[in-house]
Amino acid sequence: MSRSRNKKNSRTSVWVAIGAIFLIILLIIWLSFADLTGNTDVAAFLAPYIVNTPV
């Protein structure tokens, strides 16, 4: 019983690790693209849209 439980936990942790690595890669790509385009200040980028949009 404990052998199958350990195997299941091992598979789960492998998928969690793969997911975390994938998210980190996406974050690095997103930040690199933002840096290359000059859009590093998201709040300043969205402020004109928030102010000009009627509620």
N, C-alpha and C. Protein backbone atom coordinates (compact mmCIF):
# COMPACT_ATOMS: atom_id res chain seq x y z
N MET A 1 0.82 -1.19 0.00
CA MET A 1 0.00 0.00 0.00
C MET A 1 0.87 1.25 0.00
N SER A 2 1.89 1.28 0.84
CA SER A 2 2.73 2.48 0.91
C SER A 2 3.55 2.65 -0.37
N ARG A 3 3.86 1.54 -1.04
CA ARG A 3 4.65 1.62 -2.27
C ARG A 3 3.86 2.35 -3.37
N SER A 4 2.56 2.05 -3.53
CA SER A 4 1.76 2.73 -4.55
C SER A 4 1.50 4.17 -4.16
N ARG A 5 1.39 4.44 -2.87
CA ARG A 5 1.17 5.82 -2.41
C ARG A 5 2.41 6.67 -2.70
N ASN A 6 3.60 6.13 -2.46
CA ASN A 6 4.83 6.86 -2.74
C ASN A 6 4.98 7.11 -4.24
N LYS A 7 4.59 6.14 -5.05
CA LYS A 7 4.70 6.30 -6.49
C LYS A 7 3.75 7.40 -6.97
N LYS A 8 2.53 7.44 -6.42
CA LYS A 8 1.57 8.47 -6.80
C LYS A 8 2.07 9.85 -6.40
N ASN A 9 2.60 9.99 -5.19
CA ASN A 9 3.14 11.27 -4.74
C ASN A 9 4.32 11.69 -5.60
N SER A 10 5.12 10.73 -6.02
CA SER A 10 6.28 11.04 -6.85
C SER A 10 5.83 11.57 -8.21
N ARG A 11 4.81 10.95 -8.81
CA ARG A 11 4.31 11.42 -10.10
C ARG A 11 3.70 12.80 -9.98
N THR A 12 3.00 13.05 -8.88
CA THR A 12 2.38 14.36 -8.67
C THR A 12 3.45 15.43 -8.53
N SER A 13 4.49 15.15 -7.78
CA SER A 13 5.53 16.16 -7.59
C SER A 13 6.29 16.43 -8.89
N VAL A 14 6.42 15.42 -9.74
CA VAL A 14 7.07 15.62 -11.03
C VAL A 14 6.24 16.58 -11.88
N TRP A 15 4.91 16.40 -11.91
CA TRP A 15 4.06 17.29 -12.69
C TRP A 15 4.02 18.70 -12.11
N VAL A 16 4.08 18.82 -10.80
CA VAL A 16 4.14 20.15 -10.18
C VAL A 16 5.43 20.84 -10.56
N ALA A 17 6.53 20.12 -10.56
CA ALA A 17 7.83 20.69 -10.94
C ALA A 17 7.82 21.12 -12.41
N ILE A 18 7.26 20.29 -13.28
CA ILE A 18 7.18 20.63 -14.70
C ILE A 18 6.32 21.88 -14.89
N GLY A 19 5.20 21.96 -14.19
CA GLY A 19 4.34 23.13 -14.29
C GLY A 19 5.03 24.39 -13.79
N ALA A 20 5.76 24.28 -12.69
CA ALA A 20 6.47 25.45 -12.15
C ALA A 20 7.55 25.92 -13.12
N ILE A 21 8.28 25.00 -13.71
CA ILE A 21 9.32 25.37 -14.68
C ILE A 21 8.69 26.03 -15.90
N PHE A 22 7.57 25.50 -16.37
CA PHE A 22 6.86 26.09 -17.51
C PHE A 22 6.40 27.51 -17.20
N LEU A 23 5.86 27.74 -16.01
CA LEU A 23 5.42 29.08 -15.63
C LEU A 23 6.59 30.05 -15.51
N ILE A 24 7.71 29.59 -15.00
CA ILE A 24 8.89 30.44 -14.90
C ILE A 24 9.39 30.82 -16.29
N ILE A 25 9.38 29.88 -17.22
CA ILE A 25 9.80 30.17 -18.59
C ILE A 25 8.86 31.20 -19.23
N LEU A 26 7.55 31.03 -19.02
CA LEU A 26 6.60 32.01 -19.55
C LEU A 26 6.82 33.39 -18.95
N LEU A 27 7.11 33.45 -17.65
CA LEU A 27 7.38 34.72 -17.00
C LEU A 27 8.62 35.40 -17.57
N ILE A 28 9.67 34.63 -17.81
CA ILE A 28 10.90 35.19 -18.38
C ILE A 28 10.63 35.71 -19.80
N ILE A 29 9.87 34.96 -20.60
CA ILE A 29 9.54 35.42 -21.95
C ILE A 29 8.72 36.70 -21.89
N TRP A 30 7.73 36.74 -21.00
CA TRP A 30 6.87 37.90 -20.88
C TRP A 30 7.67 39.14 -20.46
N LEU A 31 8.53 38.98 -19.48
CA LEU A 31 9.33 40.11 -19.02
C LEU A 31 10.34 40.55 -20.09
N SER A 32 10.90 39.62 -20.81
CA SER A 32 11.84 39.97 -21.88
C SER A 32 11.13 40.75 -22.98
N PHE A 33 9.94 40.28 -23.37
CA PHE A 33 9.17 40.98 -24.40
C PHE A 33 8.78 42.38 -23.93
N ALA A 34 8.37 42.50 -22.68
CA ALA A 34 7.99 43.81 -22.13
C ALA A 34 9.21 44.74 -22.10
N ASP A 35 10.34 44.21 -21.76
CA ASP A 35 11.56 45.02 -21.71
C ASP A 35 11.98 45.47 -23.11
N LEU A 36 11.87 44.58 -24.08
CA LEU A 36 12.25 44.93 -25.46
C LEU A 36 11.32 45.98 -26.06
N THR A 37 10.04 45.93 -25.71
CA THR A 37 9.09 46.89 -26.26
C THR A 37 9.02 48.16 -25.43
N GLY A 38 9.63 48.18 -24.26
CA GLY A 38 9.63 49.36 -23.42
C GLY A 38 8.42 49.48 -22.52
N ASN A 39 7.60 48.46 -22.42
CA ASN A 39 6.41 48.49 -21.58
C ASN A 39 6.67 47.81 -20.24
N THR A 40 7.57 48.37 -19.47
CA THR A 40 7.87 47.74 -18.19
C THR A 40 7.01 48.28 -17.06
N ASP A 41 6.39 49.45 -17.25
CA ASP A 41 5.54 50.03 -16.21
C ASP A 41 4.08 49.80 -16.59
N VAL A 42 3.51 48.72 -16.08
CA VAL A 42 2.15 48.34 -16.45
C VAL A 42 1.14 49.34 -15.93
N ALA A 43 1.35 49.87 -14.73
CA ALA A 43 0.40 50.82 -14.15
C ALA A 43 0.33 52.09 -15.00
N ALA A 44 1.45 52.59 -15.47
CA ALA A 44 1.46 53.78 -16.31
C ALA A 44 0.87 53.49 -17.68
N PHE A 45 0.98 52.28 -18.13
CA PHE A 45 0.44 51.89 -19.42
C PHE A 45 -1.09 51.80 -19.37
N LEU A 46 -1.64 51.32 -18.26
CA LEU A 46 -3.09 51.14 -18.14
C LEU A 46 -3.83 52.37 -17.63
N ALA A 47 -3.13 53.30 -16.99
CA ALA A 47 -3.78 54.46 -16.39
C ALA A 47 -4.61 55.28 -17.37
N PRO A 48 -4.13 55.60 -18.57
CA PRO A 48 -4.97 56.37 -19.50
C PRO A 48 -6.27 55.67 -19.89
N TYR A 49 -6.23 54.35 -20.01
CA TYR A 49 -7.44 53.61 -20.35
C TYR A 49 -8.43 53.61 -19.21
N ILE A 50 -7.94 53.53 -17.99
CA ILE A 50 -8.83 53.51 -16.83
C ILE A 50 -9.47 54.88 -16.64
N VAL A 51 -8.72 55.95 -16.83
CA VAL A 51 -9.23 57.31 -16.62
C VAL A 51 -10.24 57.68 -17.71
N ASN A 52 -9.98 57.30 -18.95
CA ASN A 52 -10.83 57.69 -20.07
C ASN A 52 -12.05 56.80 -20.27
N THR A 53 -12.11 55.67 -19.61
CA THR A 53 -13.23 54.76 -19.78
C THR A 53 -14.33 55.11 -18.78
N PRO A 54 -15.54 55.47 -19.27
CA PRO A 54 -16.62 55.77 -18.33
C PRO A 54 -17.12 54.51 -17.63
N VAL A 55 -17.55 54.68 -16.42
CA VAL A 55 -18.01 53.53 -15.62
C VAL A 55 -19.48 53.30 -15.81
